[in-house]
Amino acid sequence: MPLGNVLQALIMLAVVLVGSVLVGHLFRRIKQPAVVGVIAFGLLLGTILAVLPHSMKSVLLSATSKSLIDDVGQAGLLLLLFLVGIELRSYSKQQSERSSLWQLVPCVLIPVVVCAAATFPFAHQLVGPDHNPLHVWLFIGVALSVTAVPVLVLIIKDLGVPAPIPGVALRIAVATDAAAWALVTLLILLTTDLSAISVPALCVGAALLFTVMFVLPRLLRRWSQVHQLGAAPFVVAVFAYVLVGAAATQVFGLHPALGAVLAGLFFPAGLANEASERALASVADMLIPAFFVSSALSVPLQVLADLFRWSGLACLLTLIVAASGSKIAVGLVAGRMQRWPLATSAKLGVLLNCRGVTELAIASIGLQAHLIGPYAFAMLCALAIVTTAVTAPLYTAINNRANRERYTAINNRANRERLDTSREEVQLVG
């Protein structure tokens, strides 16, 4: 007796979740962030399912299974971007006292300008459905300028990065990501036909935004003062809050992910205890792998074939060099402002090069908003994986070399001091 559509969909979802957990643990054991394994597994599984013959695909992935994975992935994306909004707000408050605008401006602009310029020769390959090269240059420049703040925090903890690098890295990452989300929102506003939205829809959207920004935060804060929120009620309250924010921007004709980020920015600080925050992070970790599978399934097969041609590989290599080189340049510029040694500045630039799920989320928004096409989306996915995966090894290599040079300098100085001492003794004896 064949499996029912719902049961088959649940089994496929379970395979996605269990596989992502196992691969994430495997990547952690090889000293890579677990999120890199989750991204790689989700995109690889989605690609494999996409390239299967139709007869096999219909057995493994029915229409019900694909619909369930798409819905779960969308929920995971919204929750992830809600957490990104919280991270941006919390770290921006921590770093606000030491932040200087004139120091952050070049750190934000350099990656955008360099990556947009590197995209220029490949605009005909990366152009979106509207066939506007300007949108592609700006959007890819913005997407490649981000630094995934949650991933950066994990890498800093895993590598034991000493002060003062973490503080400066987080300050630049928060400023860069905040600017990136603002620019993405502006691009979507400029390319969306807002005149087609009816007056009632505008009123409903405005009311929802007002509720998310001012009403719900006060209600949740008062509720938490009267009743201590447990893990389960907290997760339910967060989901409801995120959905209201997503619905607000959806009514305006914008991507619901923008509403999820906005909800995170206005969510009451200190509302949850440590157990509730862990529960929320666990739910996000369970849902987000489905987003990567769904994203890979949305890329046409011809795009995957074009990606591995010489022109596609040349585009990928150029953008990797531009994306990584621009972040190294930011590290050198910021290090120069701090009067750091060259090795310390290089380590800062390497840490800023991790893009993780933040770039994938922005790429997904650009694809759904028709700012970019499937080919550019696949290119950004590959870039996110490569740049995030090389962050920890590059930092370790630079750190080891700097330590060797420091030890060599110390030994040489000690040898010179011993030699000088021996000469003085010889002169005294003579």
Protein backbone atom coordinates (compact mmCIF):
# COMPACT_ATOMS: atom_id res chain seq x y z
CA MET A 1 0.00 0.00 0.00
CA PRO A 2 1.60 3.33 -1.05
CA LEU A 3 2.22 6.03 1.49
CA GLY A 4 -0.31 8.83 1.75
CA ASN A 5 0.72 12.26 0.50
CA VAL A 6 0.77 13.80 3.98
CA LEU A 7 2.80 10.93 5.47
CA GLN A 8 5.24 11.07 2.56
CA ALA A 9 5.62 14.81 3.06
CA LEU A 10 6.31 14.38 6.77
CA ILE A 11 8.91 11.66 6.09
CA MET A 12 10.69 13.89 3.57
CA LEU A 13 10.66 16.77 6.05
CA ALA A 14 12.08 14.47 8.73
CA VAL A 15 14.88 13.43 6.36
CA VAL A 16 15.71 17.10 5.78
CA LEU A 17 15.78 17.92 9.49
CA VAL A 18 17.72 14.84 10.66
CA GLY A 19 20.22 15.08 7.79
CA SER A 20 20.91 18.75 8.47
CA VAL A 21 21.53 18.03 12.18
CA LEU A 22 23.96 15.21 11.39
CA VAL A 23 25.84 17.21 8.76
CA GLY A 24 25.95 20.21 11.08
CA HIS A 25 27.59 18.09 13.81
CA LEU A 26 30.04 16.72 11.23
CA PHE A 27 31.07 20.21 10.17
CA ARG A 28 31.49 21.24 13.80
CA ARG A 29 33.88 18.31 14.31
CA ILE A 30 36.05 19.53 11.43
CA LYS A 31 36.13 23.00 13.06
CA GLN A 32 33.59 24.60 10.76
CA PRO A 33 30.44 26.45 11.87
CA ALA A 34 27.51 24.03 11.96
CA VAL A 35 25.45 26.47 9.91
CA VAL A 36 27.81 25.94 6.96
CA GLY A 37 26.96 22.23 7.04
CA VAL A 38 23.25 22.97 7.26
CA ILE A 39 23.44 25.35 4.27
CA ALA A 40 25.51 22.92 2.21
CA PHE A 41 23.28 19.94 3.03
CA GLY A 42 20.05 21.79 2.27
CA LEU A 43 21.26 23.19 -1.03
CA LEU A 44 22.84 19.87 -2.05
CA LEU A 45 19.71 17.86 -1.22
CA GLY A 46 17.50 20.31 -3.07
CA THR A 47 19.81 20.22 -6.09
CA ILE A 48 19.85 16.40 -6.13
CA LEU A 49 16.07 16.30 -5.98
CA ALA A 50 15.88 18.87 -8.77
CA VAL A 51 18.11 16.91 -11.17
CA LEU A 52 16.41 13.54 -10.60
CA PRO A 53 14.30 12.11 -13.44
CA HIS A 54 10.64 12.98 -13.26
CA SER A 55 9.63 9.40 -12.44
CA MET A 56 11.92 9.27 -9.38
CA LYS A 57 11.14 12.83 -8.32
CA SER A 58 7.40 12.13 -8.28
CA VAL A 59 8.00 9.20 -5.91
CA LEU A 60 10.39 11.00 -3.54
CA LEU A 61 8.92 14.49 -3.71
CA SER A 62 5.21 14.78 -4.29
CA ALA A 63 3.39 18.07 -4.68
CA THR A 64 2.30 17.82 -1.03
CA SER A 65 5.89 17.25 0.12
CA LYS A 66 7.17 20.23 -1.85
CA SER A 67 4.37 22.43 -0.54
CA LEU A 68 5.12 21.41 3.06
CA ILE A 69 8.86 22.02 2.63
CA ASP A 70 8.17 25.42 1.06
CA ASP A 71 5.86 26.44 3.92
CA VAL A 72 8.21 25.20 6.65
CA GLY A 73 11.14 26.87 4.91
CA GLN A 74 9.25 30.16 4.71
CA ALA A 75 8.48 29.94 8.44
CA GLY A 76 12.14 29.21 9.15
CA LEU A 77 13.24 32.19 7.05
CA LEU A 78 10.88 34.54 8.88
CA LEU A 79 12.04 33.30 12.29
CA LEU A 80 15.69 33.52 11.26
CA LEU A 81 15.33 37.12 10.08
CA PHE A 82 13.46 37.96 13.28
CA LEU A 83 16.54 36.75 15.19
CA VAL A 84 18.74 38.79 12.84
CA GLY A 85 16.73 41.89 13.74
CA ILE A 86 17.24 41.18 17.44
CA GLU A 87 20.98 40.69 16.90
CA LEU A 88 21.28 43.96 14.98
CA ARG A 89 19.46 45.89 17.70
CA SER A 90 21.29 44.35 20.65
CA TYR A 91 24.80 44.70 19.21
CA SER A 92 24.12 48.19 17.88
CA LYS A 93 23.18 49.28 21.42
CA GLN A 94 26.29 47.65 22.87
CA GLN A 95 28.56 49.36 20.37
CA SER A 96 26.75 52.71 20.11
CA GLU A 97 28.93 54.50 22.63
CA ARG A 98 32.17 53.68 20.81
CA SER A 99 30.85 54.02 17.26
CA SER A 100 32.09 56.82 15.04
CA LEU A 101 30.19 57.47 11.84
CA TRP A 102 33.20 58.62 9.86
CA GLN A 103 35.01 55.39 10.69
CA LEU A 104 32.09 53.16 9.70
CA VAL A 105 31.21 54.85 6.41
CA PRO A 106 34.22 53.55 4.42
CA CYS A 107 33.80 50.10 5.99
CA VAL A 108 30.23 49.99 4.67
CA LEU A 109 30.87 51.53 1.25
CA ILE A 110 34.03 49.68 0.17
CA PRO A 111 32.43 46.21 -0.26
CA VAL A 112 29.36 47.61 -2.00
CA VAL A 113 31.38 49.63 -4.53
CA VAL A 114 33.98 46.91 -5.20
CA CYS A 115 31.45 44.09 -5.60
CA ALA A 116 29.11 46.19 -7.76
CA ALA A 117 32.05 47.09 -10.02
CA ALA A 118 33.10 43.42 -10.23
CA THR A 119 29.55 42.53 -11.32
CA PHE A 120 29.65 44.95 -14.27
CA PRO A 121 31.32 42.59 -16.82
CA PHE A 122 28.80 39.84 -16.00
CA ALA A 123 25.63 41.93 -15.92
CA HIS A 124 24.17 40.10 -18.94
CA GLN A 125 24.45 36.80 -17.05
CA LEU A 126 23.16 38.04 -13.71
CA VAL A 127 20.34 40.33 -14.85
CA GLY A 128 16.91 39.69 -13.36
CA PRO A 129 13.47 39.37 -14.97
CA ASP A 130 13.20 43.16 -15.37
CA HIS A 131 16.46 43.14 -17.43
CA ASN A 132 17.77 46.20 -15.60
CA PRO A 133 21.57 45.93 -15.12
CA LEU A 134 21.57 48.78 -12.57
CA HIS A 135 19.38 46.77 -10.22
CA VAL A 136 21.73 43.79 -10.52
CA TRP A 137 24.87 45.85 -9.83
CA LEU A 138 23.37 47.51 -6.78
CA PHE A 139 21.71 44.41 -5.37
CA ILE A 140 24.72 42.11 -5.72
CA GLY A 141 26.98 44.82 -4.32
CA VAL A 142 24.71 45.05 -1.29
CA ALA A 143 24.29 41.27 -0.92
CA LEU A 144 28.04 40.66 -1.01
CA SER A 145 28.75 43.45 1.47
CA VAL A 146 27.01 41.78 4.41
CA THR A 147 28.59 39.94 7.32
CA ALA A 148 26.37 37.39 9.06
CA VAL A 149 26.34 38.68 12.64
CA PRO A 150 25.04 35.43 14.24
CA VAL A 151 27.64 33.34 12.38
CA LEU A 152 30.37 35.86 13.22
CA VAL A 153 29.54 35.57 16.93
CA LEU A 154 29.79 31.76 16.77
CA ILE A 155 33.12 31.88 14.91
CA ILE A 156 34.57 34.38 17.38
CA LYS A 157 33.60 32.10 20.27
CA ASP A 158 34.87 28.93 18.60
CA LEU A 159 38.23 30.46 17.66
CA GLY A 160 38.70 32.32 20.93
CA VAL A 161 39.45 35.60 19.17
CA PRO A 162 41.13 37.97 21.65
CA ALA A 163 40.13 41.57 22.28
CA PRO A 164 39.88 44.12 20.79
CA ILE A 165 39.11 42.38 17.46
CA PRO A 166 35.61 41.09 18.39
CA GLY A 167 34.30 44.52 19.41
CA VAL A 168 35.46 46.21 16.21
CA ALA A 169 34.29 43.29 14.04
CA LEU A 170 30.79 43.33 15.53
CA ARG A 171 30.55 47.10 15.25
CA ILE A 172 31.40 46.98 11.53
CA ALA A 173 29.20 43.93 10.91
CA VAL A 174 26.16 45.52 12.57
CA ALA A 175 26.60 48.78 10.64
CA THR A 176 27.10 46.89 7.36
CA ASP A 177 24.10 44.61 7.80
CA ALA A 178 21.84 47.48 8.91
CA ALA A 179 22.85 49.47 5.83
CA ALA A 180 22.34 46.39 3.63
CA TRP A 181 18.79 45.79 4.87
CA ALA A 182 17.97 49.48 4.43
CA LEU A 183 19.31 49.45 0.85
CA VAL A 184 17.49 46.22 -0.01
CA THR A 185 14.25 47.70 1.31
CA LEU A 186 14.85 50.85 -0.74
CA LEU A 187 15.51 48.82 -3.91
CA ILE A 188 12.32 46.82 -3.40
CA LEU A 189 10.33 50.00 -2.83
CA LEU A 190 11.74 51.55 -6.01
CA THR A 191 10.95 48.48 -8.12
CA THR A 192 7.52 47.70 -6.65
CA ASP A 193 4.39 49.17 -8.17
CA LEU A 194 2.86 50.60 -5.04
CA SER A 195 0.14 52.36 -7.07
CA ALA A 196 -1.58 49.00 -7.54
CA ILE A 197 -2.18 48.73 -3.77
CA SER A 198 -5.67 49.77 -2.76
CA VAL A 199 -6.43 52.32 -0.07
CA PRO A 200 -7.93 49.70 2.29
CA ALA A 201 -4.77 47.60 1.92
CA LEU A 202 -2.61 50.61 2.78
CA CYS A 203 -4.70 51.27 5.88
CA VAL A 204 -4.48 47.63 6.97
CA GLY A 205 -0.70 47.57 6.39
CA ALA A 206 -0.19 50.80 8.31
CA ALA A 207 -2.29 49.48 11.19
CA LEU A 208 -0.30 46.24 11.31
CA LEU A 209 3.00 48.13 11.27
CA PHE A 210 1.82 50.38 14.09
CA THR A 211 0.77 47.29 16.04
CA VAL A 212 4.15 45.62 15.56
CA MET A 213 6.18 48.70 16.42
CA PHE A 214 4.22 50.13 19.35
CA VAL A 215 1.25 48.05 20.53
CA LEU A 216 2.51 44.45 20.73
CA PRO A 217 5.84 45.32 22.43
CA ARG A 218 3.97 47.01 25.31
CA LEU A 219 1.44 44.19 25.59
CA LEU A 220 4.16 41.54 25.66
CA ARG A 221 6.17 43.48 28.22
CA ARG A 222 3.15 43.86 30.54
CA TRP A 223 2.20 40.21 30.05
CA SER A 224 5.70 39.08 30.99
CA GLN A 225 5.55 41.21 34.15
CA VAL A 226 2.32 39.55 35.27
CA HIS A 227 2.99 36.02 34.01
CA GLN A 228 6.49 34.58 33.68
CA LEU A 229 6.77 33.32 30.10
CA GLY A 230 7.88 29.72 29.81
CA ALA A 231 9.69 28.30 26.82
CA ALA A 232 6.60 27.09 24.96
CA PRO A 233 4.45 30.25 25.47
CA PHE A 234 7.42 32.40 24.50
CA VAL A 235 7.93 30.57 21.19
CA VAL A 236 4.20 30.83 20.41
CA ALA A 237 4.19 34.55 21.24
CA VAL A 238 7.24 35.13 19.04
CA PHE A 239 5.68 33.29 16.09
CA ALA A 240 2.51 35.36 16.38
CA TYR A 241 4.56 38.55 16.60
CA VAL A 242 6.68 37.62 13.58
CA LEU A 243 3.63 36.72 11.50
CA VAL A 244 2.03 40.10 12.21
CA GLY A 245 5.20 41.86 11.08
CA ALA A 246 5.46 39.70 7.96
CA ALA A 247 1.79 40.30 7.13
CA ALA A 248 2.29 44.06 7.44
CA THR A 249 4.92 44.25 4.70
CA GLN A 250 3.11 41.59 2.62
CA VAL A 251 0.00 43.78 2.54
CA PHE A 252 2.15 46.66 1.28
CA GLY A 253 3.32 44.44 -1.60
CA LEU A 254 6.79 43.98 -0.08
CA HIS A 255 8.56 40.78 0.93
CA PRO A 256 7.31 39.43 4.29
CA ALA A 257 10.91 38.86 5.39
CA LEU A 258 11.34 42.62 5.73
CA GLY A 259 8.51 42.63 8.24
CA ALA A 260 10.22 39.84 10.19
CA VAL A 261 13.42 41.91 10.48
CA LEU A 262 11.36 44.92 11.57
CA ALA A 263 9.63 42.78 14.21
CA GLY A 264 13.02 41.74 15.59
CA LEU A 265 14.16 45.35 15.79
CA PHE A 266 11.14 46.33 17.92
CA PHE A 267 10.79 43.17 20.01
CA PRO A 268 11.03 44.00 23.76
CA ALA A 269 14.54 43.45 25.09
CA GLY A 270 15.03 41.12 28.04
CA LEU A 271 11.59 39.56 27.66
CA ALA A 272 12.78 35.95 27.67
CA ASN A 273 14.98 33.96 29.99
CA GLU A 274 17.86 31.80 28.85
CA ALA A 275 15.71 28.66 28.50
CA SER A 276 13.18 30.48 26.29
CA GLU A 277 15.91 31.86 24.06
CA ARG A 278 17.41 28.39 23.66
CA ALA A 279 13.99 27.00 22.77
CA LEU A 280 13.47 29.69 20.14
CA ALA A 281 16.93 29.06 18.65
CA SER A 282 16.21 25.31 18.55
CA VAL A 283 12.95 25.87 16.67
CA ALA A 284 14.75 28.12 14.17
CA ASP A 285 17.46 25.47 13.69
CA MET A 286 14.77 22.87 12.98
CA LEU A 287 12.89 24.97 10.42
CA ILE A 288 15.64 26.72 8.47
CA PRO A 289 17.05 23.61 6.65
CA ALA A 290 13.76 23.35 4.75
CA PHE A 291 14.36 26.88 3.45
CA PHE A 292 17.66 25.85 1.83
CA VAL A 293 16.06 22.78 0.24
CA SER A 294 13.18 24.89 -1.06
CA SER A 295 15.61 27.50 -2.40
CA ALA A 296 17.63 24.89 -4.31
CA LEU A 297 14.44 23.39 -5.78
CA SER A 298 13.46 26.81 -7.14
CA VAL A 299 16.61 27.02 -9.31
CA PRO A 300 16.04 25.70 -12.87
CA LEU A 301 18.29 22.88 -14.09
CA GLN A 302 19.65 25.00 -16.95
CA VAL A 303 20.94 27.50 -14.41
CA LEU A 304 22.94 24.77 -12.66
CA ALA A 305 24.42 23.72 -16.00
CA ASP A 306 25.35 27.31 -16.87
CA LEU A 307 26.97 27.77 -13.47
CA PHE A 308 29.61 25.13 -14.25
CA ARG A 309 30.54 26.46 -17.68
CA TRP A 310 33.72 28.49 -18.15
CA SER A 311 31.81 31.77 -18.16
CA GLY A 312 29.98 30.82 -14.97
CA LEU A 313 33.16 29.72 -13.21
CA ALA A 314 34.91 32.95 -14.29
CA CYS A 315 32.03 34.99 -12.87
CA LEU A 316 32.07 33.01 -9.62
CA LEU A 317 35.85 33.35 -9.22
CA THR A 318 35.74 37.10 -9.96
CA LEU A 319 33.00 37.72 -7.44
CA ILE A 320 34.74 35.59 -4.79
CA VAL A 321 37.95 37.59 -5.24
CA ALA A 322 36.04 40.89 -5.13
CA ALA A 323 33.94 39.89 -2.12
CA SER A 324 36.86 38.53 -0.10
CA GLY A 325 39.29 41.25 -1.20
CA SER A 326 36.88 44.03 -0.27
CA LYS A 327 36.44 42.60 3.24
CA ILE A 328 40.22 42.30 3.66
CA ALA A 329 40.46 45.94 2.54
CA VAL A 330 37.87 46.89 5.17
CA GLY A 331 39.95 45.10 7.80
CA LEU A 332 43.08 46.96 6.73
CA VAL A 333 41.30 50.32 6.72
CA ALA A 334 39.73 49.71 10.14
CA GLY A 335 43.02 48.40 11.50
CA ARG A 336 44.81 51.49 10.23
CA MET A 337 42.31 53.65 12.09
CA GLN A 338 42.94 51.62 15.25
CA ARG A 339 46.75 51.65 14.68
CA TRP A 340 46.85 47.85 14.66
CA PRO A 341 49.62 45.64 13.23
CA LEU A 342 49.09 44.28 9.73
CA ALA A 343 48.37 40.73 10.93
CA THR A 344 45.67 41.91 13.34
CA SER A 345 44.01 43.96 10.59
CA ALA A 346 44.11 40.96 8.25
CA LYS A 347 42.44 38.77 10.88
CA LEU A 348 39.68 41.36 11.23
CA GLY A 349 39.11 41.35 7.47
CA VAL A 350 38.95 37.56 7.36
CA LEU A 351 36.34 37.46 10.13
CA LEU A 352 34.19 40.02 8.31
CA ASN A 353 34.22 37.76 5.23
CA CYS A 354 31.70 35.27 6.66
CA ARG A 355 28.30 35.86 5.05
CA GLY A 356 26.35 32.75 6.02
CA VAL A 357 22.58 32.75 6.08
CA THR A 358 22.30 36.54 5.95
CA GLU A 359 23.44 36.67 2.34
CA LEU A 360 21.22 33.71 1.45
CA ALA A 361 18.22 35.43 3.01
CA ILE A 362 18.90 38.64 1.08
CA ALA A 363 19.45 36.64 -2.12
CA SER A 364 16.12 34.87 -1.60
CA ILE A 365 14.35 38.19 -1.14
CA GLY A 366 15.97 39.54 -4.31
CA LEU A 367 14.90 36.44 -6.26
CA GLN A 368 11.29 36.62 -5.08
CA ALA A 369 11.17 40.39 -5.68
CA HIS A 370 12.54 39.84 -9.25
CA LEU A 371 15.57 42.04 -8.61
CA ILE A 372 17.80 39.13 -9.68
CA GLY A 373 17.25 35.93 -11.62
CA PRO A 374 17.86 32.27 -10.68
CA TYR A 375 21.40 32.38 -12.09
CA ALA A 376 22.43 35.26 -9.82
CA PHE A 377 20.71 33.52 -6.90
CA ALA A 378 22.71 30.33 -7.48
CA MET A 379 25.89 32.40 -7.72
CA LEU A 380 25.18 34.14 -4.40
CA CYS A 381 24.45 30.80 -2.72
CA ALA A 382 27.82 29.43 -3.86
CA LEU A 383 29.56 32.60 -2.67
CA ALA A 384 27.91 32.43 0.74
CA ILE A 385 29.09 28.86 1.28
CA VAL A 386 32.66 29.45 0.06
CA THR A 387 33.31 32.68 1.95
CA THR A 388 31.84 31.34 5.19
CA ALA A 389 33.68 28.02 4.95
CA VAL A 390 37.12 29.62 4.49
CA THR A 391 36.74 32.10 7.36
CA ALA A 392 37.94 29.87 10.20
CA PRO A 393 40.84 28.22 8.28
CA LEU A 394 42.13 31.58 7.00
CA TYR A 395 41.96 33.14 10.45
CA THR A 396 43.82 30.17 11.94
CA ALA A 397 46.50 30.33 9.23
CA ILE A 398 47.08 34.07 9.70
CA ASN A 399 47.09 33.70 13.48
CA ASN A 400 49.60 30.82 13.39
CA ARG A 401 51.91 32.73 11.05
CA ALA A 402 51.72 35.84 13.24
CA ASN A 403 52.54 33.73 16.31
CA ARG A 404 55.53 32.15 14.55
CA GLU A 405 56.85 35.55 13.50
CA ARG A 406 56.38 36.90 17.02
CA TYR A 407 58.19 33.92 18.57
CA THR A 408 60.98 34.24 16.00
CA ALA A 409 61.36 37.94 16.78
CA ILE A 410 61.44 37.19 20.53
CA ASN A 411 64.06 34.47 20.05
CA ASN A 412 66.18 36.70 17.81
CA ARG A 413 66.02 39.50 20.35
CA ALA A 414 66.98 37.08 23.16
CA ASN A 415 69.88 35.74 21.09
CA ARG A 416 71.11 39.26 20.39
CA GLU A 417 70.92 40.10 24.08
CA ARG A 418 72.89 36.96 24.98
CA LEU A 419 75.46 37.77 22.31
CA ASP A 420 75.81 41.32 23.59
CA THR A 421 76.18 40.00 27.14
CA SER A 422 78.88 37.55 26.03
CA ARG A 423 80.80 40.30 24.27
CA GLU A 424 80.66 42.49 27.36
CA GLU A 425 81.96 39.61 29.49
CA VAL A 426 84.80 38.98 27.04
CA GLN A 427 85.72 42.67 27.11
CA LEU A 428 85.71 42.67 30.92
CA VAL A 429 87.93 39.59 31.05
CA GLY A 430 90.26 41.09 28.46
